[in-house]
Amino acid sequence: MRLIDAQDAFFVARRPRKDSPHTTAAYRRDLAGVTAHLVAALGTEDVELEQVSAQVLREAFGAFADTHAKSSVARAWSTWNQFFQFCVADGLAGGNPMGAIGRPRPGPLSPKPLRGESTPEQLLSAIAGGARRARVPWPERDLLVLALGLVAGLRASEIRALRRSSVVGRPGERRVYVHGKANRERSIPIEPPLERVIAAYLSSCERRFPASRWSAEDPLVLGSDGAGIGRGALDYLVKQCFRQAGLHDRVPAGANLHALRHTFATRLAEDGANAVEIMVLLGHASLNTSQGYIDATGRERRAAAASNRTYRVLEGLAGGQEDGEGEDGG
């Protein structure tokens, strides 16, 4: 059987799982990336499944690792392992060669929250006050996006997936239903301040698009054209909020909107939430991921405290005091 046909069969078999489009696209990239190196190693575009031995696959993964981060290689390993598990279960292959392929171990979680204790509050105040200059300003929408990251911990894809019907419940008891990774759903309790932000945003939609007739399943967060906001537009919006609020230097490199989610998780950990509570609120698949925020928060607070330059002076004073006490006691 051709390798490409086996891969197609793999995706057909996964349909009942209802993987998210993001997950399916990631699997396809992982399979295609390593397959390209298999083609190069075997010297043929028409690779047969039986040609993919442990030795050839090891060579292909080695070449793949040369141009990809450790986390990407680990994810590709997992994808190929699932693929071969399917092939064995379906009788397409006699065994799974992935056991012979080295799998990179992911490094410890390194949260990337916004730097500065008061940065979230400064950001929200600046944007609510119209700090973001746009051709047609929309501070109500901008504030909602930031709030969904900072007090609900939503990912970019989750913000874009929200519908008007996602906000449910009576005033003071409302929740946001979120469609997360791998089709995992969760609900997040929201407090009256966020309820008011949502209400102000919905009122602004009525003013901006008076001719529109909204349904419960319309996107909650809109772009400037009145349709659901696109991924690029959402990313640009958040970057501009940081920059025009004068806080772009407090955002860890590469974090952007995810820095808001990490700030949410880090503050939960700092305020005493346990790993199970963090896992539920953030939609993590693994308790270890959630525990990582607690562990990292403890390490980072200790490291920050230890970096206080006054400790260097204190160390000298304490050392001198101990010497003095020894002389007095003698």
C-alpha atoms as a PDB file:
ATOM      1  CA  MET A   1       0.000   0.000   0.000  1.00  0.00           C
ATOM      2  CA  ARG A   2       1.271   3.470  -0.788  1.00  0.00           C
ATOM      3  CA  LEU A   3       2.233   5.596   2.214  1.00  0.00           C
ATOM      4  CA  ILE A   4       0.030   8.465   1.039  1.00  0.00           C
ATOM      5  CA  ASP A   5      -2.990   6.141   0.761  1.00  0.00           C
ATOM      6  CA  ALA A   6      -2.381   4.848   4.289  1.00  0.00           C
ATOM      7  CA  GLN A   7      -2.252   8.426   5.546  1.00  0.00           C
ATOM      8  CA  ASP A   8      -5.562   9.202   3.828  1.00  0.00           C
ATOM      9  CA  ALA A   9      -7.084   6.140   5.488  1.00  0.00           C
ATOM     10  CA  PHE A  10      -5.744   7.362   8.842  1.00  0.00           C
ATOM     11  CA  PHE A  11      -7.655  10.641   8.508  1.00  0.00           C
ATOM     12  CA  VAL A  12     -10.816   8.850   7.429  1.00  0.00           C
ATOM     13  CA  ALA A  13     -10.574   6.667  10.549  1.00  0.00           C
ATOM     14  CA  ARG A  14     -10.228   9.782  12.745  1.00  0.00           C
ATOM     15  CA  ARG A  15     -13.428  11.425  11.486  1.00  0.00           C
ATOM     16  CA  PRO A  16     -15.599  10.051  14.307  1.00  0.00           C
ATOM     17  CA  ARG A  17     -13.242  11.749  16.792  1.00  0.00           C
ATOM     18  CA  LYS A  18     -14.282  15.120  15.331  1.00  0.00           C
ATOM     19  CA  ASP A  19     -10.801  16.614  15.624  1.00  0.00           C
ATOM     20  CA  SER A  20     -10.725  20.382  15.332  1.00  0.00           C
ATOM     21  CA  PRO A  21      -9.512  21.816  11.990  1.00  0.00           C
ATOM     22  CA  HIS A  22      -6.416  23.070  13.818  1.00  0.00           C
ATOM     23  CA  THR A  23      -5.596  19.561  15.086  1.00  0.00           C
ATOM     24  CA  THR A  24      -6.157  17.978  11.679  1.00  0.00           C
ATOM     25  CA  ALA A  25      -3.971  20.592   9.990  1.00  0.00           C
ATOM     26  CA  ALA A  26      -1.199  19.954  12.537  1.00  0.00           C
ATOM     27  CA  TYR A  27      -1.352  16.194  11.905  1.00  0.00           C
ATOM     28  CA  ARG A  28      -1.156  16.762   8.157  1.00  0.00           C
ATOM     29  CA  ARG A  29       1.870  19.034   8.548  1.00  0.00           C
ATOM     30  CA  ASP A  30       3.622  16.488  10.758  1.00  0.00           C
ATOM     31  CA  LEU A  31       3.019  13.636   8.333  1.00  0.00           C
ATOM     32  CA  ALA A  32       3.924  15.700   5.268  1.00  0.00           C
ATOM     33  CA  GLY A  33       7.084  17.137   6.860  1.00  0.00           C
ATOM     34  CA  VAL A  34       8.620  13.769   7.652  1.00  0.00           C
ATOM     35  CA  THR A  35       7.284  12.183   4.442  1.00  0.00           C
ATOM     36  CA  ALA A  36       9.258  14.710   2.415  1.00  0.00           C
ATOM     37  CA  HIS A  37      12.455  13.428   4.045  1.00  0.00           C
ATOM     38  CA  LEU A  38      11.373   9.815   3.479  1.00  0.00           C
ATOM     39  CA  VAL A  39      10.983  10.617  -0.221  1.00  0.00           C
ATOM     40  CA  ALA A  40      14.485  12.093  -0.267  1.00  0.00           C
ATOM     41  CA  ALA A  41      15.972   9.138   1.605  1.00  0.00           C
ATOM     42  CA  LEU A  42      14.319   6.507  -0.604  1.00  0.00           C
ATOM     43  CA  GLY A  43      14.734   8.416  -3.849  1.00  0.00           C
ATOM     44  CA  THR A  44      11.132   8.007  -4.967  1.00  0.00           C
ATOM     45  CA  GLU A  45       7.945  10.064  -4.795  1.00  0.00           C
ATOM     46  CA  ASP A  46       5.839   6.910  -4.643  1.00  0.00           C
ATOM     47  CA  VAL A  47       6.818   5.548  -1.220  1.00  0.00           C
ATOM     48  CA  GLU A  48       5.266   2.244  -0.204  1.00  0.00           C
ATOM     49  CA  LEU A  49       4.280   1.775   3.441  1.00  0.00           C
ATOM     50  CA  GLU A  50       6.387  -1.378   3.704  1.00  0.00           C
ATOM     51  CA  GLN A  51       9.472   0.619   2.684  1.00  0.00           C
ATOM     52  CA  VAL A  52       9.231   2.758   5.823  1.00  0.00           C
ATOM     53  CA  SER A  53      11.574   0.788   8.060  1.00  0.00           C
ATOM     54  CA  ALA A  54      12.885   1.953  11.418  1.00  0.00           C
ATOM     55  CA  GLN A  55      16.243   2.773   9.832  1.00  0.00           C
ATOM     56  CA  VAL A  56      14.762   4.925   7.051  1.00  0.00           C
ATOM     57  CA  LEU A  57      12.327   6.581   9.439  1.00  0.00           C
ATOM     58  CA  ARG A  58      15.148   7.367  11.864  1.00  0.00           C
ATOM     59  CA  GLU A  59      17.061   9.069   9.053  1.00  0.00           C
ATOM     60  CA  ALA A  60      13.980  11.070   8.036  1.00  0.00           C
ATOM     61  CA  PHE A  61      13.324  12.209  11.607  1.00  0.00           C
ATOM     62  CA  GLY A  62      16.961  13.214  11.958  1.00  0.00           C
ATOM     63  CA  ALA A  63      16.681  15.447   8.900  1.00  0.00           C
ATOM     64  CA  PHE A  64      13.352  16.816  10.139  1.00  0.00           C
ATOM     65  CA  ALA A  65      14.913  17.649  13.515  1.00  0.00           C
ATOM     66  CA  ASP A  66      17.656  19.684  11.833  1.00  0.00           C
ATOM     67  CA  THR A  67      15.131  22.336  10.804  1.00  0.00           C
ATOM     68  CA  HIS A  68      12.522  22.128  13.564  1.00  0.00           C
ATOM     69  CA  ALA A  69      12.312  22.945  17.265  1.00  0.00           C
ATOM     70  CA  LYS A  70      12.352  20.168  19.845  1.00  0.00           C
ATOM     71  CA  SER A  71       8.654  20.689  20.579  1.00  0.00           C
ATOM     72  CA  SER A  72       7.805  20.315  16.883  1.00  0.00           C
ATOM     73  CA  VAL A  73       9.818  17.101  16.623  1.00  0.00           C
ATOM     74  CA  ALA A  74       8.090  15.714  19.723  1.00  0.00           C
ATOM     75  CA  ARG A  75       4.682  16.536  18.267  1.00  0.00           C
ATOM     76  CA  ALA A  76       5.617  14.930  14.920  1.00  0.00           C
ATOM     77  CA  TRP A  77       6.785  11.817  16.766  1.00  0.00           C
ATOM     78  CA  SER A  78       3.403  11.586  18.488  1.00  0.00           C
ATOM     79  CA  THR A  79       1.548  12.012  15.179  1.00  0.00           C
ATOM     80  CA  TRP A  80       3.572   9.299  13.453  1.00  0.00           C
ATOM     81  CA  ASN A  81       3.161   7.011  16.436  1.00  0.00           C
ATOM     82  CA  GLN A  82      -0.621   7.386  16.212  1.00  0.00           C
ATOM     83  CA  PHE A  83      -0.437   6.813  12.468  1.00  0.00           C
ATOM     84  CA  PHE A  84       1.467   3.544  12.847  1.00  0.00           C
ATOM     85  CA  GLN A  85      -0.785   2.409  15.687  1.00  0.00           C
ATOM     86  CA  PHE A  86      -3.666   2.814  13.244  1.00  0.00           C
ATOM     87  CA  CYS A  87      -1.760   0.939  10.520  1.00  0.00           C
ATOM     88  CA  VAL A  88      -1.050  -1.994  12.844  1.00  0.00           C
ATOM     89  CA  ALA A  89      -4.637  -2.097  14.147  1.00  0.00           C
ATOM     90  CA  ASP A  90      -5.992  -2.006  10.582  1.00  0.00           C
ATOM     91  CA  GLY A  91      -3.633  -4.691   9.342  1.00  0.00           C
ATOM     92  CA  LEU A  92      -1.750  -2.333   7.028  1.00  0.00           C
ATOM     93  CA  ALA A  93       1.611  -2.783   8.815  1.00  0.00           C
ATOM     94  CA  GLY A  94       3.151  -5.622  10.780  1.00  0.00           C
ATOM     95  CA  GLY A  95       4.565  -3.430  13.521  1.00  0.00           C
ATOM     96  CA  ASN A  96       5.135   0.099  14.773  1.00  0.00           C
ATOM     97  CA  PRO A  97       8.724   1.282  14.125  1.00  0.00           C
ATOM     98  CA  MET A  98       8.375   4.423  16.269  1.00  0.00           C
ATOM     99  CA  GLY A  99       9.818   2.660  19.309  1.00  0.00           C
ATOM    100  CA  ALA A 100      13.183   2.758  17.548  1.00  0.00           C
ATOM    101  CA  ILE A 101      12.954   6.517  16.915  1.00  0.00           C
ATOM    102  CA  GLY A 102      14.273   8.816  19.625  1.00  0.00           C
ATOM    103  CA  ARG A 103      11.588  11.110  20.996  1.00  0.00           C
ATOM    104  CA  PRO A 104      12.660  14.506  22.356  1.00  0.00           C
ATOM    105  CA  ARG A 105      11.414  15.168  25.844  1.00  0.00           C
ATOM    106  CA  PRO A 106       9.663  18.529  26.147  1.00  0.00           C
ATOM    107  CA  GLY A 107      11.363  21.000  28.431  1.00  0.00           C
ATOM    108  CA  PRO A 108       9.738  22.300  31.609  1.00  0.00           C
ATOM    109  CA  LEU A 109       6.841  24.701  31.232  1.00  0.00           C
ATOM    110  CA  SER A 110       7.995  28.288  31.014  1.00  0.00           C
ATOM    111  CA  PRO A 111       4.988  30.586  31.396  1.00  0.00           C
ATOM    112  CA  LYS A 112       5.196  33.899  29.572  1.00  0.00           C
ATOM    113  CA  PRO A 113       2.926  36.297  31.464  1.00  0.00           C
ATOM    114  CA  LEU A 114       3.044  40.043  31.022  1.00  0.00           C
ATOM    115  CA  ARG A 115       5.937  41.541  32.961  1.00  0.00           C
ATOM    116  CA  GLY A 116       5.134  43.973  35.745  1.00  0.00           C
ATOM    117  CA  GLU A 117       2.648  43.486  38.553  1.00  0.00           C
ATOM    118  CA  SER A 118       0.314  46.269  37.416  1.00  0.00           C
ATOM    119  CA  THR A 119       0.729  45.794  33.651  1.00  0.00           C
ATOM    120  CA  PRO A 120      -2.671  44.097  33.071  1.00  0.00           C
ATOM    121  CA  GLU A 121      -4.498  46.907  34.842  1.00  0.00           C
ATOM    122  CA  GLN A 122      -2.513  49.566  32.957  1.00  0.00           C
ATOM    123  CA  LEU A 123      -3.276  47.847  29.655  1.00  0.00           C
ATOM    124  CA  LEU A 124      -7.015  47.612  30.283  1.00  0.00           C
ATOM    125  CA  SER A 125      -7.235  51.229  31.493  1.00  0.00           C
ATOM    126  CA  ALA A 126      -5.309  52.555  28.498  1.00  0.00           C
ATOM    127  CA  ILE A 127      -7.429  50.696  25.945  1.00  0.00           C
ATOM    128  CA  ALA A 128     -10.715  51.566  27.659  1.00  0.00           C
ATOM    129  CA  GLY A 129      -9.598  55.198  27.500  1.00  0.00           C
ATOM    130  CA  GLY A 130      -9.087  55.025  23.732  1.00  0.00           C
ATOM    131  CA  ALA A 131      -5.305  54.616  23.631  1.00  0.00           C
ATOM    132  CA  ARG A 132      -5.523  52.437  20.536  1.00  0.00           C
ATOM    133  CA  ARG A 133      -5.649  54.723  17.533  1.00  0.00           C
ATOM    134  CA  ALA A 134      -7.381  53.147  14.549  1.00  0.00           C
ATOM    135  CA  ARG A 135      -9.048  54.463  11.422  1.00  0.00           C
ATOM    136  CA  VAL A 136     -12.390  53.669  13.044  1.00  0.00           C
ATOM    137  CA  PRO A 137     -11.729  53.234  16.793  1.00  0.00           C
ATOM    138  CA  TRP A 138     -13.589  50.465  18.573  1.00  0.00           C
ATOM    139  CA  PRO A 139     -12.463  50.521  22.220  1.00  0.00           C
ATOM    140  CA  GLU A 140     -15.405  48.371  23.392  1.00  0.00           C
ATOM    141  CA  ARG A 141     -14.318  45.497  21.142  1.00  0.00           C
ATOM    142  CA  ASP A 142     -10.628  45.909  21.966  1.00  0.00           C
ATOM    143  CA  LEU A 143     -11.370  45.900  25.703  1.00  0.00           C
ATOM    144  CA  LEU A 144     -13.484  42.742  25.356  1.00  0.00           C
ATOM    145  CA  VAL A 145     -10.677  40.870  23.578  1.00  0.00           C
ATOM    146  CA  LEU A 146      -8.139  41.790  26.255  1.00  0.00           C
ATOM    147  CA  ALA A 147     -10.552  40.924  29.054  1.00  0.00           C
ATOM    148  CA  LEU A 148     -11.322  37.504  27.560  1.00  0.00           C
ATOM    149  CA  GLY A 149      -7.607  36.752  27.708  1.00  0.00           C
ATOM    150  CA  LEU A 150      -6.859  38.272  31.101  1.00  0.00           C
ATOM    151  CA  VAL A 151      -9.862  37.195  33.186  1.00  0.00           C
ATOM    152  CA  ALA A 152     -11.113  34.152  31.250  1.00  0.00           C
ATOM    153  CA  GLY A 153      -7.812  32.772  29.927  1.00  0.00           C
ATOM    154  CA  LEU A 154      -9.041  32.179  26.379  1.00  0.00           C
ATOM    155  CA  ARG A 155      -6.787  31.199  23.490  1.00  0.00           C
ATOM    156  CA  ALA A 156      -6.990  33.131  20.201  1.00  0.00           C
ATOM    157  CA  SER A 157      -8.801  30.252  18.492  1.00  0.00           C
ATOM    158  CA  GLU A 158     -11.290  30.093  21.372  1.00  0.00           C
ATOM    159  CA  ILE A 159     -12.051  33.811  21.162  1.00  0.00           C
ATOM    160  CA  ARG A 160     -12.731  33.458  17.443  1.00  0.00           C
ATOM    161  CA  ALA A 161     -14.961  30.427  18.049  1.00  0.00           C
ATOM    162  CA  LEU A 162     -17.232  32.233  20.537  1.00  0.00           C
ATOM    163  CA  ARG A 163     -20.838  32.765  19.493  1.00  0.00           C
ATOM    164  CA  ARG A 164     -23.390  35.140  20.959  1.00  0.00           C
ATOM    165  CA  SER A 165     -25.006  32.077  22.497  1.00  0.00           C
ATOM    166  CA  SER A 166     -21.727  31.243  24.271  1.00  0.00           C
ATOM    167  CA  VAL A 167     -22.584  33.678  27.086  1.00  0.00           C
ATOM    168  CA  VAL A 168     -25.369  32.167  29.185  1.00  0.00           C
ATOM    169  CA  GLY A 169     -26.985  32.490  32.619  1.00  0.00           C
ATOM    170  CA  ARG A 170     -28.716  35.086  34.744  1.00  0.00           C
ATOM    171  CA  PRO A 171     -27.052  38.406  35.598  1.00  0.00           C
ATOM    172  CA  GLY A 172     -24.455  37.825  38.280  1.00  0.00           C
ATOM    173  CA  GLU A 173     -24.302  34.102  37.483  1.00  0.00           C
ATOM    174  CA  ARG A 174     -23.231  34.143  33.841  1.00  0.00           C
ATOM    175  CA  ARG A 175     -20.748  31.747  32.264  1.00  0.00           C
ATOM    176  CA  VAL A 176     -18.913  31.578  28.974  1.00  0.00           C
ATOM    177  CA  TYR A 177     -19.008  28.241  27.153  1.00  0.00           C
ATOM    178  CA  VAL A 178     -15.743  27.677  25.309  1.00  0.00           C
ATOM    179  CA  HIS A 179     -14.963  25.262  22.479  1.00  0.00           C
ATOM    180  CA  GLY A 180     -11.296  24.460  23.096  1.00  0.00           C
ATOM    181  CA  LYS A 181      -8.514  22.278  21.759  1.00  0.00           C
ATOM    182  CA  ALA A 182      -9.361  18.753  20.553  1.00  0.00           C
ATOM    183  CA  ASN A 183     -13.052  19.691  20.771  1.00  0.00           C
ATOM    184  CA  ARG A 184     -12.888  19.848  24.577  1.00  0.00           C
ATOM    185  CA  GLU A 185     -15.591  22.117  25.940  1.00  0.00           C
ATOM    186  CA  ARG A 186     -15.546  23.982  29.230  1.00  0.00           C
ATOM    187  CA  SER A 187     -17.484  26.734  30.929  1.00  0.00           C
ATOM    188  CA  ILE A 188     -15.892  29.665  32.710  1.00  0.00           C
ATOM    189  CA  PRO A 189     -17.771  31.665  35.370  1.00  0.00           C
ATOM    190  CA  ILE A 190     -17.632  35.397  34.724  1.00  0.00           C
ATOM    191  CA  GLU A 191     -18.120  38.233  37.166  1.00  0.00           C
ATOM    192  CA  PRO A 192     -20.254  41.395  36.769  1.00  0.00           C
ATOM    193  CA  PRO A 193     -17.355  43.575  35.523  1.00  0.00           C
ATOM    194  CA  LEU A 194     -16.870  41.292  32.488  1.00  0.00           C
ATOM    195  CA  GLU A 195     -20.648  41.087  32.036  1.00  0.00           C
ATOM    196  CA  ARG A 196     -20.686  44.888  31.726  1.00  0.00           C
ATOM    197  CA  VAL A 197     -17.817  44.826  29.225  1.00  0.00           C
ATOM    198  CA  ILE A 198     -19.749  42.324  27.104  1.00  0.00           C
ATOM    199  CA  ALA A 199     -22.952  44.372  27.341  1.00  0.00           C
ATOM    200  CA  ALA A 200     -21.149  47.575  26.316  1.00  0.00           C
ATOM    201  CA  TYR A 201     -19.556  45.739  23.393  1.00  0.00           C
ATOM    202  CA  LEU A 202     -22.884  44.330  22.184  1.00  0.00           C
ATOM    203  CA  SER A 203     -24.416  47.819  22.359  1.00  0.00           C
ATOM    204  CA  SER A 204     -21.522  49.145  20.276  1.00  0.00           C
ATOM    205  CA  CYS A 205     -22.251  46.465  17.656  1.00  0.00           C
ATOM    206  CA  GLU A 206     -25.814  47.749  17.336  1.00  0.00           C
ATOM    207  CA  ARG A 207     -24.540  51.273  16.771  1.00  0.00           C
ATOM    208  CA  ARG A 208     -21.890  50.198  14.231  1.00  0.00           C
ATOM    209  CA  PHE A 209     -24.050  47.862  12.221  1.00  0.00           C
ATOM    210  CA  PRO A 210     -27.638  49.136  12.635  1.00  0.00           C
ATOM    211  CA  ALA A 211     -28.909  47.138   9.670  1.00  0.00           C
ATOM    212  CA  SER A 212     -27.618  43.822  10.973  1.00  0.00           C
ATOM    213  CA  ARG A 213     -29.914  41.215  12.458  1.00  0.00           C
ATOM    214  CA  TRP A 214     -27.912  39.085  14.849  1.00  0.00           C
ATOM    215  CA  SER A 215     -28.660  35.445  15.605  1.00  0.00           C
ATOM    216  CA  ALA A 216     -27.529  33.387  18.583  1.00  0.00           C
ATOM    217  CA  GLU A 217     -24.981  31.544  16.434  1.00  0.00           C
ATOM    218  CA  ASP A 218     -23.306  34.625  14.965  1.00  0.00           C
ATOM    219  CA  PRO A 219     -19.677  35.193  16.035  1.00  0.00           C
ATOM    220  CA  LEU A 220     -19.364  37.152  19.250  1.00  0.00           C
ATOM    221  CA  VAL A 221     -16.130  38.994  18.434  1.00  0.00           C
ATOM    222  CA  LEU A 222     -16.381  40.856  15.139  1.00  0.00           C
ATOM    223  CA  GLY A 223     -13.925  42.414  12.739  1.00  0.00           C
ATOM    224  CA  SER A 224     -14.329  45.893  11.285  1.00  0.00           C
ATOM    225  CA  ASP A 225     -16.498  44.499   8.474  1.00  0.00           C
ATOM    226  CA  GLY A 226     -19.080  43.021  10.821  1.00  0.00           C
ATOM    227  CA  ALA A 227     -18.047  39.409  10.177  1.00  0.00           C
ATOM    228  CA  GLY A 228     -16.227  37.196  12.668  1.00  0.00           C
ATOM    229  CA  ILE A 229     -12.735  38.516  13.338  1.00  0.00           C
ATOM    230  CA  GLY A 230      -9.949  36.734  11.433  1.00  0.00           C
ATOM    231  CA  ARG A 231      -6.873  35.205  13.025  1.00  0.00           C
ATOM    232  CA  GLY A 232      -4.500  37.797  11.545  1.00  0.00           C
ATOM    233  CA  ALA A 233      -6.776  40.695  12.503  1.00  0.00           C
ATOM    234  CA  LEU A 234      -7.041  39.425  16.081  1.00  0.00           C
ATOM    235  CA  ASP A 235      -3.281  39.053  16.383  1.00  0.00           C
ATOM    236  CA  TYR A 236      -2.735  42.556  14.957  1.00  0.00           C
ATOM    237  CA  LEU A 237      -5.362  44.026  17.304  1.00  0.00           C
ATOM    238  CA  VAL A 238      -3.617  42.694  20.411  1.00  0.00           C
ATOM    239  CA  LYS A 239      -0.164  43.769  19.223  1.00  0.00           C
ATOM    240  CA  GLN A 240      -1.433  47.278  18.568  1.00  0.00           C
ATOM    241  CA  CYS A 241      -3.062  47.424  21.991  1.00  0.00           C
ATOM    242  CA  PHE A 242       0.277  46.605  23.638  1.00  0.00           C
ATOM    243  CA  ARG A 243       2.171  49.074  21.487  1.00  0.00           C
ATOM    244  CA  GLN A 244      -0.202  52.017  21.691  1.00  0.00           C
ATOM    245  CA  ALA A 245      -0.657  51.552  25.428  1.00  0.00           C
ATOM    246  CA  GLY A 246       3.138  51.897  25.682  1.00  0.00           C
ATOM    247  CA  LEU A 247       3.515  48.410  27.160  1.00  0.00           C
ATOM    248  CA  HIS A 248       5.005  46.419  24.261  1.00  0.00           C
ATOM    249  CA  ASP A 249       8.302  46.065  26.135  1.00  0.00           C
ATOM    250  CA  ARG A 250       6.496  44.096  28.858  1.00  0.00           C
ATOM    251  CA  VAL A 251       5.335  41.327  26.506  1.00  0.00           C
ATOM    252  CA  PRO A 252       7.576  38.226  26.328  1.00  0.00           C
ATOM    253  CA  ALA A 253       8.899  37.553  22.837  1.00  0.00           C
ATOM    254  CA  GLY A 254       6.466  35.605  20.712  1.00  0.00           C
ATOM    255  CA  ALA A 255       3.699  35.542  23.311  1.00  0.00           C
ATOM    256  CA  ASN A 256       1.249  38.258  22.175  1.00  0.00           C
ATOM    257  CA  LEU A 257      -2.329  37.182  23.029  1.00  0.00           C
ATOM    258  CA  HIS A 258      -1.028  34.056  24.741  1.00  0.00           C
ATOM    259  CA  ALA A 259       0.706  36.348  27.247  1.00  0.00           C
ATOM    260  CA  LEU A 260      -2.774  37.350  28.435  1.00  0.00           C
ATOM    261  CA  ARG A 261      -3.712  33.689  28.966  1.00  0.00           C
ATOM    262  CA  HIS A 262      -0.428  33.023  30.773  1.00  0.00           C
ATOM    263  CA  THR A 263      -1.045  36.060  32.974  1.00  0.00           C
ATOM    264  CA  PHE A 264      -4.474  34.662  33.858  1.00  0.00           C
ATOM    265  CA  ALA A 265      -2.975  31.258  34.748  1.00  0.00           C
ATOM    266  CA  THR A 266      -0.047  32.730  36.660  1.00  0.00           C
ATOM    267  CA  ARG A 267      -2.290  34.945  38.768  1.00  0.00           C
ATOM    268  CA  LEU A 268      -4.506  31.962  39.538  1.00  0.00           C
ATOM    269  CA  ALA A 269      -1.441  30.084  40.786  1.00  0.00           C
ATOM    270  CA  GLU A 270      -0.186  33.062  42.782  1.00  0.00           C
ATOM    271  CA  ASP A 271      -3.576  33.486  44.439  1.00  0.00           C
ATOM    272  CA  GLY A 272      -3.686  29.869  45.597  1.00  0.00           C
ATOM    273  CA  ALA A 273      -5.631  27.990  42.909  1.00  0.00           C
ATOM    274  CA  ASN A 274      -4.693  24.316  42.776  1.00  0.00           C
ATOM    275  CA  ALA A 275      -3.662  22.405  39.667  1.00  0.00           C
ATOM    276  CA  VAL A 276      -7.111  20.863  39.127  1.00  0.00           C
ATOM    277  CA  GLU A 277      -8.806  24.274  39.221  1.00  0.00           C
ATOM    278  CA  ILE A 278      -6.271  25.687  36.761  1.00  0.00           C
ATOM    279  CA  MET A 279      -6.677  22.662  34.475  1.00  0.00           C
ATOM    280  CA  VAL A 280     -10.459  23.057  34.364  1.00  0.00           C
ATOM    281  CA  LEU A 281     -10.439  26.822  33.817  1.00  0.00           C
ATOM    282  CA  LEU A 282      -7.773  26.754  31.107  1.00  0.00           C
ATOM    283  CA  GLY A 283      -8.924  23.579  29.366  1.00  0.00           C
ATOM    284  CA  HIS A 284      -5.636  21.712  29.742  1.00  0.00           C
ATOM    285  CA  ALA A 285      -5.551  18.061  28.737  1.00  0.00           C
ATOM    286  CA  SER A 286      -2.901  17.230  31.319  1.00  0.00           C
ATOM    287  CA  LEU A 287      -2.709  17.998  35.018  1.00  0.00           C
ATOM    288  CA  ASN A 288       1.074  18.267  34.614  1.00  0.00           C
ATOM    289  CA  THR A 289       0.644  21.338  32.394  1.00  0.00           C
ATOM    290  CA  SER A 290      -1.436  23.051  35.052  1.00  0.00           C
ATOM    291  CA  GLN A 291       0.938  22.022  37.844  1.00  0.00           C
ATOM    292  CA  GLY A 292       3.719  23.616  35.814  1.00  0.00           C
ATOM    293  CA  TYR A 293       2.186  27.060  36.385  1.00  0.00           C
ATOM    294  CA  ILE A 294       2.263  26.511  40.128  1.00  0.00           C
ATOM    295  CA  ASP A 295       5.840  25.214  40.088  1.00  0.00           C
ATOM    296  CA  ALA A 296       7.084  27.895  37.713  1.00  0.00           C
ATOM    297  CA  THR A 297       5.372  30.648  39.664  1.00  0.00           C
ATOM    298  CA  GLY A 298       7.096  29.546  42.857  1.00  0.00           C
ATOM    299  CA  ARG A 299      10.509  29.388  41.167  1.00  0.00           C
ATOM    300  CA  GLU A 300      10.064  32.733  39.445  1.00  0.00           C
ATOM    301  CA  ARG A 301       8.964  34.528  42.603  1.00  0.00           C
ATOM    302  CA  ARG A 302      11.947  33.159  44.511  1.00  0.00           C
ATOM    303  CA  ALA A 303      14.305  34.081  41.658  1.00  0.00           C
ATOM    304  CA  ALA A 304      12.859  37.588  41.502  1.00  0.00           C
ATOM    305  CA  ALA A 305      13.226  38.045  45.244  1.00  0.00           C
ATOM    306  CA  ALA A 306      16.780  36.684  45.183  1.00  0.00           C
ATOM    307  CA  SER A 307      17.788  39.153  42.456  1.00  0.00           C
ATOM    308  CA  ASN A 308      17.201  42.103  44.791  1.00  0.00           C
ATOM    309  CA  ARG A 309      20.595  43.845  44.868  1.00  0.00           C
ATOM    310  CA  THR A 310      20.104  44.730  48.544  1.00  0.00           C
ATOM    311  CA  TYR A 311      20.816  41.085  49.308  1.00  0.00           C
ATOM    312  CA  ARG A 312      24.455  41.685  48.361  1.00  0.00           C
ATOM    313  CA  VAL A 313      24.766  44.390  50.986  1.00  0.00           C
ATOM    314  CA  LEU A 314      22.848  42.341  53.522  1.00  0.00           C
ATOM    315  CA  GLU A 315      25.106  39.374  52.924  1.00  0.00           C
ATOM    316  CA  GLY A 316      28.136  41.421  53.921  1.00  0.00           C
ATOM    317  CA  LEU A 317      26.414  42.817  56.984  1.00  0.00           C
ATOM    318  CA  ALA A 318      25.185  39.416  58.108  1.00  0.00           C
ATOM    319  CA  GLY A 319      28.643  37.947  57.666  1.00  0.00           C
ATOM    320  CA  GLY A 320      30.213  40.711  59.708  1.00  0.00           C
ATOM    321  CA  GLN A 321      27.600  40.306  62.431  1.00  0.00           C
ATOM    322  CA  GLU A 322      28.290  36.619  62.728  1.00  0.00           C
ATOM    323  CA  ASP A 323      31.996  37.329  63.134  1.00  0.00           C
ATOM    324  CA  GLY A 324      31.263  39.852  65.822  1.00  0.00           C
ATOM    325  CA  GLU A 325      28.918  37.549  67.699  1.00  0.00           C
ATOM    326  CA  GLY A 326      31.583  34.864  67.703  1.00  0.00           C
ATOM    327  CA  GLU A 327      34.111  37.245  69.308  1.00  0.00           C
ATOM    328  CA  ASP A 328      31.631  38.426  71.969  1.00  0.00           C
ATOM    329  CA  GLY A 329      30.664  34.881  72.822  1.00  0.00           C
ATOM    330  CA  GLY A 330      34.348  33.879  73.226  1.00  0.00           C
END
